[in-house]
Amino acid sequence: MAKFLISTMPETGHIYPALPIATALAARGHQVRWHTGPDFADKVSQTGASFVPMKHAPRFQDLTPRPKQSRSWEAVVGALRRLFVEPAPGQLRDYTEILSDFDADVVINESTAGLGPRLLHELGGPPWARLGVSPLPSLPTSAIPPLVSPAVFADPPEVLPYSDDPGVQDRYRRMNWEAANVHMSQLTEALDELRARFGLGPQPTGETGFAATISPFLQLQTGTLAFDYPRPELPAQVHHVGPLLPPGPDVFELPPWWQDVVSADRPVVHVTQGTVATDPTSLLRPTLDALADDDVLVVATAANPADLGPLPANVRLAKSIPYALLLPYVDVMVTNGGIGGILAALTHGLPLIGGGRTEDKPAVCARIAHTGVGIDLKTDRPTVGKIRDAVRAVLSNPSYQRAAVRVQTDFARHDPPVEAAVLLERLAETKAPVV
């Protein structure tokens, strides 16, 4: 049996996709240690993995304050340096301590964390796998809209649409090449400086800092290409394994109004503000006001329910409800673009309305529109009228649900935890790229 070290930032959206992987690995007899923050120690232990606390590795809130959004490449590079370069030395210290009595065969970390596992491997440590919990970056050869650019990082951000026009795709290839090799050269330089601190030479000629965030051994990507742009340029070690979702709870105390949902004779709309950008005035409260006079039942979840004030008569509110229990009764979901909730909705064939413009949410919401599974509001502060029109459009036009069911069908072809575990086992055995 093999030994695996999982390392994730201590945030819900970064922990949850790894839960089914850890559970599957432990169930298959492997030894698993999980390096993250103490708030998630119980979640980790429930998978059969052993919890290892972060000591030197920083959490998101410990990093340099996020650069102010602006239309400059300097801001883009600053944001990426903060995510990928800054955490690496602390991660490397933690990993070295852990491996002193746990000779891991593979280190697994997630796609928005630092590059500590890459340094560890190049210093003689085990191969590393990357768990993709956000859209895969556009590569220098990609014919899709750039994942990062000053326009995406601006306030408000702008996201270019996908196009199958050859001329537009050529333009996107040029933009992606220039982004990686010219505009973000400072990211590559920062990574080379980091490598030099540990006695490593510069990156191989032609390898950019952004491309370095994809593992050369194994990239496990949550979801499938059914909810993405066409990506024929992806390297062979990138594997979409289907939606990696947390298991439903064994015990959960349902709210007293739960029967209203189960027996609803009108459409049920679920609205969530997510777990990071939780200001209820941006999406949550406007949605409640937008649908107050419509013949729908609105199920809202909010981190701080008291902040919402008086509720319309057709609203049912809770702090949280597990998706496995709620989504079978929902007809459409209004979301701020968190990828975990969106994949959960599509697993149930639900159409979506996305209103997110921070982190990777603009790119995720753009994929809602591209795949036809819903409407991208293109703002994180939509008007009441815009939300109302979008919900009515999705409920009245069956094409959105048909598209969502198409993605659901593709998802159903996968057994995500098992597929991920098998691929990781191959990496542990061969120590070579899993293609």
Protein backbone atom coordinates (compact mmCIF):
# COMPACT_ATOMS: atom_id res chain seq x y z
CA MET A 1 0.00 0.00 0.00
CA ALA A 2 1.11 3.57 -0.70
CA LYS A 3 1.46 6.69 1.42
CA PHE A 4 -0.17 9.95 0.35
CA LEU A 5 0.22 13.46 1.75
CA ILE A 6 -2.68 15.80 0.92
CA SER A 7 -2.20 19.54 1.45
CA THR A 8 -4.98 22.11 1.09
CA MET A 9 -5.75 25.65 2.11
CA PRO A 10 -8.17 25.61 5.08
CA GLU A 11 -11.22 26.91 3.23
CA THR A 12 -14.44 25.02 2.49
CA GLY A 13 -14.14 25.24 -1.28
CA HIS A 14 -10.59 23.89 -1.12
CA ILE A 15 -11.20 21.15 1.44
CA TYR A 16 -14.43 19.67 0.09
CA PRO A 17 -13.17 18.45 -3.33
CA ALA A 18 -10.41 16.52 -1.57
CA LEU A 19 -12.72 14.79 0.93
CA PRO A 20 -13.93 12.05 -1.45
CA ILE A 21 -10.36 11.45 -2.65
CA ALA A 22 -9.01 11.01 0.89
CA THR A 23 -11.95 8.74 1.74
CA ALA A 24 -11.35 6.57 -1.32
CA LEU A 25 -7.61 6.29 -0.72
CA ALA A 26 -8.10 5.34 2.94
CA ALA A 27 -10.81 2.81 2.03
CA ARG A 28 -8.41 1.20 -0.44
CA GLY A 29 -5.93 0.59 2.34
CA HIS A 30 -3.50 3.45 1.78
CA GLN A 31 -2.01 5.63 4.50
CA VAL A 32 -3.14 9.23 4.14
CA ARG A 33 -2.02 12.32 6.01
CA TRP A 34 -3.74 15.64 5.41
CA HIS A 35 -1.98 18.95 5.98
CA THR A 36 -4.40 21.85 6.55
CA GLY A 37 -5.81 24.19 9.21
CA PRO A 38 -7.21 23.02 12.58
CA ASP A 39 -10.76 24.13 11.77
CA PHE A 40 -11.04 21.13 9.47
CA ALA A 41 -9.43 18.49 11.69
CA ASP A 42 -12.73 16.67 12.26
CA LYS A 43 -13.57 16.65 8.54
CA VAL A 44 -10.15 15.20 7.79
CA SER A 45 -10.44 12.51 10.45
CA GLN A 46 -13.84 11.41 9.12
CA THR A 47 -12.22 10.41 5.83
CA GLY A 48 -9.81 7.99 7.50
CA ALA A 49 -6.85 10.32 6.95
CA SER A 50 -4.62 11.59 9.75
CA PHE A 51 -4.77 15.33 10.37
CA VAL A 52 -1.49 17.27 10.30
CA PRO A 53 -1.72 20.98 11.26
CA MET A 54 -0.22 23.76 9.20
CA LYS A 55 2.68 25.30 11.10
CA HIS A 56 4.75 27.38 8.72
CA ALA A 57 2.55 27.25 5.62
CA PRO A 58 0.37 30.38 5.47
CA ARG A 59 -3.38 30.52 5.18
CA PHE A 60 -4.95 32.90 2.69
CA GLN A 61 -5.46 35.50 5.42
CA ASP A 62 -1.77 35.29 6.34
CA LEU A 63 -0.59 36.25 2.86
CA THR A 64 0.26 39.73 1.68
CA PRO A 65 -3.02 41.66 1.23
CA ARG A 66 -4.50 41.01 -2.18
CA PRO A 67 -3.44 43.71 -4.66
CA LYS A 68 -6.06 46.28 -5.45
CA GLN A 69 -7.89 45.42 -8.63
CA SER A 70 -6.64 47.52 -11.50
CA ARG A 71 -6.12 47.37 -15.22
CA SER A 72 -2.42 46.59 -15.05
CA TRP A 73 -0.32 43.49 -15.54
CA GLU A 74 1.52 44.42 -12.35
CA ALA A 75 -1.68 43.75 -10.40
CA VAL A 76 -2.16 40.41 -12.17
CA VAL A 77 1.40 39.30 -11.43
CA GLY A 78 1.05 40.44 -7.81
CA ALA A 79 -2.08 38.36 -7.33
CA LEU A 80 -0.49 35.24 -8.82
CA ARG A 81 2.76 35.70 -6.91
CA ARG A 82 0.69 35.91 -3.74
CA LEU A 83 -1.04 32.60 -4.51
CA PHE A 84 1.75 30.49 -5.93
CA VAL A 85 5.15 31.87 -4.85
CA GLU A 86 4.62 33.40 -1.42
CA PRO A 87 3.23 30.27 0.32
CA ALA A 88 5.91 27.91 -1.01
CA PRO A 89 8.73 28.36 1.56
CA GLY A 90 6.40 27.76 4.51
CA GLN A 91 4.85 24.77 2.77
CA LEU A 92 8.28 23.33 2.09
CA ARG A 93 9.21 23.61 5.79
CA ASP A 94 6.03 21.81 6.82
CA TYR A 95 6.41 19.09 4.19
CA THR A 96 10.03 18.44 5.17
CA GLU A 97 8.99 17.99 8.81
CA ILE A 98 6.10 15.69 7.87
CA LEU A 99 8.22 13.54 5.57
CA SER A 100 10.82 13.05 8.31
CA ASP A 101 8.63 10.25 9.69
CA PHE A 102 6.20 9.68 6.82
CA ASP A 103 7.89 8.74 3.56
CA ALA A 104 5.04 9.78 1.27
CA ASP A 105 4.95 8.31 -2.22
CA VAL A 106 2.95 11.26 -3.56
CA VAL A 107 2.15 14.78 -2.38
CA ILE A 108 -1.21 16.18 -3.49
CA ASN A 109 -2.11 19.85 -3.22
CA GLU A 110 -4.80 21.99 -4.77
CA SER A 111 -4.64 24.40 -7.63
CA THR A 112 -4.93 27.69 -5.74
CA ALA A 113 -2.23 26.83 -3.19
CA GLY A 114 1.50 27.47 -3.49
CA LEU A 115 4.19 25.57 -5.31
CA GLY A 116 5.77 23.95 -2.26
CA PRO A 117 5.23 20.41 -3.63
CA ARG A 118 7.06 21.32 -6.84
CA LEU A 119 10.08 22.58 -4.87
CA LEU A 120 9.96 19.53 -2.62
CA HIS A 121 10.11 17.17 -5.59
CA GLU A 122 12.96 19.01 -7.26
CA LEU A 123 14.90 18.86 -3.98
CA GLY A 124 14.62 15.07 -3.99
CA GLY A 125 11.10 14.57 -2.64
CA PRO A 126 8.24 12.51 -4.07
CA PRO A 127 6.29 13.35 -7.23
CA TRP A 128 3.38 15.71 -6.81
CA ALA A 129 -0.18 15.78 -8.07
CA ARG A 130 -2.37 18.84 -8.37
CA LEU A 131 -6.08 18.87 -7.56
CA GLY A 132 -7.83 21.41 -9.79
CA VAL A 133 -10.56 23.14 -7.77
CA SER A 134 -10.93 26.04 -10.22
CA PRO A 135 -10.88 26.35 -14.02
CA LEU A 136 -7.65 25.20 -15.61
CA PRO A 137 -5.42 28.10 -16.62
CA SER A 138 -5.20 29.06 -20.26
CA LEU A 139 -1.81 27.94 -21.62
CA PRO A 140 0.43 29.81 -24.06
CA THR A 141 -1.04 27.65 -26.84
CA SER A 142 -4.69 27.97 -25.75
CA ALA A 143 -7.31 29.24 -28.18
CA ILE A 144 -9.69 30.21 -25.39
CA PRO A 145 -10.11 33.55 -23.60
CA PRO A 146 -7.23 34.22 -21.17
CA LEU A 147 -8.03 33.12 -17.64
CA VAL A 148 -6.13 36.08 -16.22
CA SER A 149 -5.56 39.53 -17.66
CA PRO A 150 -5.86 43.14 -16.48
CA ALA A 151 -9.45 43.14 -17.77
CA VAL A 152 -10.33 40.10 -15.64
CA PHE A 153 -8.66 41.64 -12.56
CA ALA A 154 -10.28 45.05 -13.07
CA ASP A 155 -13.23 46.35 -11.11
CA PRO A 156 -15.63 45.50 -12.61
CA PRO A 157 -13.89 42.63 -14.43
CA GLU A 158 -14.43 41.91 -18.10
CA VAL A 159 -14.36 38.38 -19.49
CA LEU A 160 -13.94 37.76 -23.19
CA PRO A 161 -16.42 35.31 -24.74
CA TYR A 162 -15.41 31.98 -26.22
CA SER A 163 -15.53 31.83 -30.01
CA ASP A 164 -15.07 29.04 -32.53
CA ASP A 165 -14.11 31.56 -35.20
CA PRO A 166 -10.54 30.70 -36.35
CA GLY A 167 -9.56 34.36 -36.51
CA VAL A 168 -10.70 35.00 -32.93
CA GLN A 169 -8.99 31.83 -31.74
CA ASP A 170 -5.73 32.94 -33.35
CA ARG A 171 -6.07 36.25 -31.50
CA TYR A 172 -6.64 34.41 -28.22
CA ARG A 173 -3.55 32.25 -28.84
CA ARG A 174 -1.47 35.38 -29.32
CA MET A 175 -2.96 36.92 -26.17
CA ASN A 176 -2.23 33.80 -24.12
CA TRP A 177 1.33 33.53 -25.44
CA GLU A 178 2.01 37.20 -24.75
CA ALA A 179 0.43 36.96 -21.30
CA ALA A 180 2.68 34.05 -20.28
CA ASN A 181 5.91 35.06 -21.99
CA VAL A 182 5.82 38.86 -21.92
CA HIS A 183 3.31 40.39 -19.54
CA MET A 184 3.77 37.81 -16.76
CA SER A 185 7.51 37.37 -17.15
CA GLN A 186 7.86 38.85 -13.66
CA LEU A 187 5.99 35.83 -12.30
CA THR A 188 8.53 33.55 -13.96
CA GLU A 189 11.34 35.69 -12.54
CA ALA A 190 9.80 35.51 -9.04
CA LEU A 191 9.61 31.74 -9.29
CA ASP A 192 13.25 31.58 -10.46
CA GLU A 193 14.27 33.73 -7.47
CA LEU A 194 12.37 31.37 -5.17
CA ARG A 195 14.11 28.37 -6.73
CA ALA A 196 17.52 30.03 -6.30
CA ARG A 197 16.86 30.39 -2.55
CA PHE A 198 16.80 26.61 -2.33
CA GLY A 199 19.75 25.96 -4.61
CA LEU A 200 17.71 25.15 -7.69
CA GLY A 201 18.46 26.49 -11.13
CA PRO A 202 15.96 28.49 -13.19
CA GLN A 203 12.99 26.84 -14.79
CA PRO A 204 13.57 25.03 -18.08
CA THR A 205 13.78 27.33 -21.09
CA GLY A 206 10.32 28.14 -22.38
CA GLU A 207 8.47 27.12 -19.20
CA THR A 208 6.55 30.06 -17.80
CA GLY A 209 5.59 30.68 -14.20
CA PHE A 210 1.89 30.18 -14.88
CA ALA A 211 2.38 26.84 -16.65
CA ALA A 212 4.42 25.73 -13.63
CA THR A 213 1.20 25.56 -11.63
CA ILE A 214 0.13 22.44 -13.57
CA SER A 215 1.75 19.28 -12.25
CA PRO A 216 3.92 17.52 -14.84
CA PHE A 217 2.95 14.22 -13.18
CA LEU A 218 -0.82 14.34 -12.63
CA GLN A 219 -3.48 17.03 -12.67
CA LEU A 220 -6.82 15.86 -11.24
CA GLN A 221 -9.53 18.21 -12.40
CA THR A 222 -12.95 18.33 -10.77
CA GLY A 223 -15.82 18.37 -13.27
CA THR A 224 -15.55 17.46 -16.95
CA LEU A 225 -15.04 19.26 -20.24
CA ALA A 226 -18.82 19.24 -20.68
CA PHE A 227 -18.69 22.31 -18.43
CA ASP A 228 -15.77 24.04 -20.08
CA TYR A 229 -14.48 25.32 -23.39
CA PRO A 230 -12.92 22.87 -25.86
CA ARG A 231 -9.38 22.21 -24.61
CA PRO A 232 -7.47 20.02 -27.13
CA GLU A 233 -4.19 21.67 -26.08
CA LEU A 234 -4.22 20.27 -22.55
CA PRO A 235 -1.26 18.02 -21.69
CA ALA A 236 -1.94 14.32 -21.39
CA GLN A 237 -1.42 14.19 -17.61
CA VAL A 238 -4.54 16.36 -17.08
CA HIS A 239 -7.48 14.12 -16.18
CA HIS A 240 -11.05 15.30 -15.64
CA VAL A 241 -12.50 12.84 -13.15
CA GLY A 242 -16.02 14.23 -12.74
CA PRO A 243 -17.39 16.42 -9.95
CA LEU A 244 -15.59 15.87 -6.67
CA LEU A 245 -18.31 16.61 -4.14
CA PRO A 246 -18.42 16.04 -0.37
CA PRO A 247 -20.62 13.23 0.92
CA GLY A 248 -24.02 14.03 2.35
CA PRO A 249 -24.29 14.16 6.14
CA ASP A 250 -25.22 11.09 8.15
CA VAL A 251 -27.26 13.31 10.47
CA PHE A 252 -28.64 16.78 9.81
CA GLU A 253 -31.35 18.68 11.63
CA LEU A 254 -33.71 19.95 8.95
CA PRO A 255 -35.34 23.36 9.42
CA PRO A 256 -38.94 23.40 10.67
CA TRP A 257 -40.20 24.60 7.27
CA TRP A 258 -38.59 21.72 5.34
CA GLN A 259 -41.95 20.16 4.41
CA ASP A 260 -42.74 23.36 2.46
CA VAL A 261 -39.90 22.41 0.13
CA VAL A 262 -40.71 18.73 -0.13
CA SER A 263 -44.37 19.36 -0.97
CA ALA A 264 -43.94 22.55 -3.02
CA ASP A 265 -46.43 22.85 -5.89
CA ARG A 266 -44.52 25.75 -7.50
CA PRO A 267 -40.95 26.17 -8.72
CA VAL A 268 -38.27 26.16 -6.04
CA VAL A 269 -35.42 28.66 -6.45
CA HIS A 270 -32.30 28.26 -4.37
CA VAL A 271 -30.06 31.28 -3.82
CA THR A 272 -26.68 31.19 -2.13
CA GLN A 273 -24.05 33.83 -1.49
CA GLY A 274 -21.29 31.24 -1.11
CA THR A 275 -18.74 30.91 1.68
CA VAL A 276 -16.13 33.60 0.89
CA ALA A 277 -17.76 36.70 -0.65
CA THR A 278 -20.67 36.69 1.79
CA ASP A 279 -22.00 40.27 1.63
CA PRO A 280 -25.78 39.60 1.40
CA THR A 281 -26.47 42.95 -0.28
CA SER A 282 -24.64 41.91 -3.45
CA LEU A 283 -26.73 38.94 -4.62
CA LEU A 284 -28.74 37.39 -1.80
CA ARG A 285 -30.99 40.23 -0.71
CA PRO A 286 -31.62 41.49 -4.27
CA THR A 287 -32.74 37.98 -5.25
CA LEU A 288 -35.20 37.80 -2.37
CA ASP A 289 -36.62 41.19 -3.36
CA ALA A 290 -36.69 40.27 -7.06
CA LEU A 291 -38.80 37.16 -6.47
CA ALA A 292 -40.99 38.43 -3.62
CA ASP A 293 -44.09 38.71 -5.83
CA ASP A 294 -43.42 35.72 -8.10
CA ASP A 295 -45.15 32.38 -7.67
CA VAL A 296 -42.02 30.57 -6.54
CA LEU A 297 -40.62 29.25 -3.27
CA VAL A 298 -37.21 30.73 -2.51
CA VAL A 299 -34.82 28.73 -0.35
CA ALA A 300 -31.95 30.96 0.74
CA THR A 301 -28.81 30.08 2.67
CA ALA A 302 -26.75 32.78 4.36
CA ALA A 303 -23.73 32.74 6.63
CA ASN A 304 -25.44 35.29 8.90
CA PRO A 305 -29.22 35.00 8.43
CA ALA A 306 -29.93 37.89 10.80
CA ASP A 307 -28.22 40.28 8.37
CA LEU A 308 -31.01 39.85 5.82
CA GLY A 309 -33.71 41.64 7.77
CA PRO A 310 -37.44 41.07 7.11
CA LEU A 311 -38.15 38.29 4.62
CA PRO A 312 -40.80 38.09 1.89
CA ALA A 313 -43.52 35.52 2.56
CA ASN A 314 -42.23 33.12 -0.09
CA VAL A 315 -38.71 32.87 1.38
CA ARG A 316 -37.37 30.08 3.58
CA LEU A 317 -34.00 30.84 5.15
CA ALA A 318 -31.31 28.73 6.80
CA LYS A 319 -27.64 29.11 7.60
CA SER A 320 -26.87 26.07 5.48
CA ILE A 321 -28.51 22.98 4.01
CA PRO A 322 -26.45 20.13 2.53
CA TYR A 323 -26.80 20.10 -1.24
CA ALA A 324 -27.42 16.36 -1.25
CA LEU A 325 -30.66 17.01 0.67
CA LEU A 326 -31.75 20.28 -0.92
CA LEU A 327 -30.98 20.11 -4.64
CA PRO A 328 -33.32 17.23 -5.56
CA TYR A 329 -36.20 19.63 -4.85
CA VAL A 330 -34.79 22.71 -6.62
CA ASP A 331 -35.69 23.96 -10.12
CA VAL A 332 -33.08 26.68 -10.57
CA MET A 333 -30.10 27.88 -8.56
CA VAL A 334 -28.89 31.49 -8.21
CA THR A 335 -25.23 31.50 -7.22
CA ASN A 336 -22.29 33.83 -6.84
CA GLY A 337 -20.21 31.50 -8.98
CA GLY A 338 -18.52 29.16 -6.52
CA ILE A 339 -17.42 26.12 -8.52
CA GLY A 340 -18.39 23.59 -5.85
CA GLY A 341 -22.03 24.67 -5.71
CA ILE A 342 -22.23 24.89 -9.49
CA LEU A 343 -20.91 21.36 -9.97
CA ALA A 344 -23.37 20.12 -7.33
CA ALA A 345 -26.26 21.79 -9.17
CA LEU A 346 -25.20 20.33 -12.52
CA THR A 347 -24.90 16.89 -10.94
CA HIS A 348 -28.65 17.25 -10.35
CA GLY A 349 -29.31 18.67 -13.83
CA LEU A 350 -30.24 22.11 -12.50
CA PRO A 351 -29.98 25.28 -14.61
CA LEU A 352 -28.05 28.18 -13.09
CA ILE A 353 -27.91 31.94 -12.80
CA GLY A 354 -24.43 33.19 -11.94
CA GLY A 355 -23.54 36.54 -10.40
CA GLY A 356 -19.90 36.45 -9.28
CA ARG A 357 -16.96 38.72 -10.09
CA THR A 358 -14.21 37.86 -7.59
CA GLU A 359 -11.50 35.16 -7.58
CA ASP A 360 -12.15 32.72 -10.44
CA LYS A 361 -15.89 33.40 -10.48
CA PRO A 362 -15.97 35.49 -13.71
CA ALA A 363 -14.48 32.56 -15.62
CA VAL A 364 -16.86 30.09 -13.98
CA CYS A 365 -19.92 32.23 -14.73
CA ALA A 366 -18.75 32.66 -18.32
CA ARG A 367 -18.85 28.88 -18.66
CA ILE A 368 -22.46 28.88 -17.45
CA ALA A 369 -23.35 30.98 -20.47
CA HIS A 370 -21.04 29.15 -22.90
CA THR A 371 -22.42 25.71 -22.10
CA GLY A 372 -26.02 26.95 -22.18
CA VAL A 373 -26.84 25.73 -18.67
CA GLY A 374 -27.96 29.15 -17.52
CA ILE A 375 -27.40 32.89 -17.54
CA ASP A 376 -24.33 34.87 -16.57
CA LEU A 377 -25.44 38.14 -14.98
CA LYS A 378 -21.92 39.55 -15.60
CA THR A 379 -21.95 41.41 -12.31
CA ASP A 380 -21.81 40.56 -8.63
CA ARG A 381 -24.28 43.34 -7.82
CA PRO A 382 -27.18 42.73 -10.19
CA THR A 383 -30.31 44.83 -10.04
CA VAL A 384 -33.57 43.41 -8.77
CA GLY A 385 -35.00 43.62 -12.27
CA LYS A 386 -32.06 41.80 -13.86
CA ILE A 387 -32.36 38.91 -11.42
CA ARG A 388 -36.13 38.68 -11.87
CA ASP A 389 -35.82 38.60 -15.65
CA ALA A 390 -33.12 35.93 -15.50
CA VAL A 391 -35.07 33.62 -13.20
CA ARG A 392 -38.20 33.97 -15.29
CA ALA A 393 -36.22 33.30 -18.47
CA VAL A 394 -34.63 30.14 -17.10
CA LEU A 395 -37.91 28.80 -15.72
CA SER A 396 -39.80 29.46 -18.95
CA ASN A 397 -37.18 28.28 -21.46
CA PRO A 398 -36.54 24.51 -21.29
CA SER A 399 -33.30 24.80 -23.27
CA TYR A 400 -31.41 25.71 -20.10
CA GLN A 401 -32.49 22.59 -18.29
CA ARG A 402 -31.80 20.44 -21.34
CA ALA A 403 -28.26 21.77 -21.39
CA ALA A 404 -27.90 21.15 -17.66
CA VAL A 405 -29.11 17.58 -18.09
CA ARG A 406 -26.58 17.10 -20.90
CA VAL A 407 -23.80 18.04 -18.47
CA GLN A 408 -25.39 15.89 -15.77
CA THR A 409 -25.30 12.90 -18.13
CA ASP A 410 -21.61 13.45 -18.82
CA PHE A 411 -20.88 13.75 -15.11
CA ALA A 412 -22.70 10.47 -14.48
CA ARG A 413 -20.19 8.59 -16.65
CA HIS A 414 -17.60 9.11 -13.91
CA ASP A 415 -16.96 7.68 -10.47
CA PRO A 416 -14.82 10.63 -9.32
CA PRO A 417 -13.31 9.30 -6.06
CA VAL A 418 -12.38 5.94 -7.57
CA GLU A 419 -11.00 7.47 -10.78
CA ALA A 420 -8.89 9.89 -8.77
CA ALA A 421 -7.63 7.14 -6.46
CA VAL A 422 -6.67 4.85 -9.35
CA LEU A 423 -4.73 7.64 -11.06
CA LEU A 424 -2.92 8.51 -7.81
CA GLU A 425 -2.07 4.84 -7.29
CA ARG A 426 -0.50 4.75 -10.74
CA LEU A 427 1.61 7.79 -9.89
CA ALA A 428 2.68 6.25 -6.58
CA GLU A 429 3.70 3.06 -8.33
CA THR A 430 5.44 4.48 -11.41
CA LYS A 431 6.71 7.87 -10.19
CA ALA A 432 6.15 8.95 -13.80
CA PRO A 433 3.61 11.18 -15.56
CA VAL A 434 0.18 9.53 -15.63
CA VAL A 435 -0.97 9.84 -19.24
